[in-house]
Amino acid sequence: MIQVSKLIAQGQGLAPVLLKRACHLELDWDVRQKSRFDATDSAGRHLGVFLPRGTVVRGGDVLVAEDGSLIKVVAAPQAVLKITHCANHGTPYDLIRAAYHLGNRHVPIELKPNHLKIEPDHVLADMLRAMHLIVHAVDEPFEPENGAYAAGGHSHDHDHHHAETKPTAARRLSAIPIAAAAVPHVHGPGCKHDH
């Protein structure tokens, strides 16, 4: 077994010729969201993947094996529900409503300008159809959005600095002691502000 413990997001910084020569590894979403798994690449090599906990592997990422070889990850087609708006009964705005309702249920969603994708679920499919959306079962690669609080966060790779005029809400909240921030705000007759 060849050990793999490094990931280069989207092969960033690698020469195209190296990516062209790299073996590939086709994985579905269930495996790609794990940080430790076994797999077999296109050259038939048995790989033991041991990435930092919380790492999510995306289609287009490149794994680096202990021998220095590169393995390009391909998002494998899998069973998903593809959701589109109904031109006769709605608008593309209906997809935003659907994403809102699915997000409230913490459902992994792939967002595209003209469709959404989720893992198969007949209850959710019925809910979406009741919202006049079109739901088709298809076999396609699945790349759900990272959550807003996903590991790794957000970073900037560009060479400019963002001007800071006022403290952001997040910075103001981070200055509040943890004990005070943990107290929930209750809305009701005694909350003393307008709604």
Foldseek 3Di string as FASTA:
>chain_A
DWEWEDKAVLCPPDDPVLVVPAWEFEDEQVVQQAQWDWGATPVRDIYTGHYPGLHGDDQNMWIAIPVRGIYGYHQFWDKKKKKFADPVPDDRVLQVVLCVVCVVVVFFWADDSGIIIGHDDVVSVVVSVVSRIDIDIDTDGDDGDADCPGPPHDDDPDDDDDDDDDDDPVRVLVPDPPVVSPDDQDDDPPNPDDD
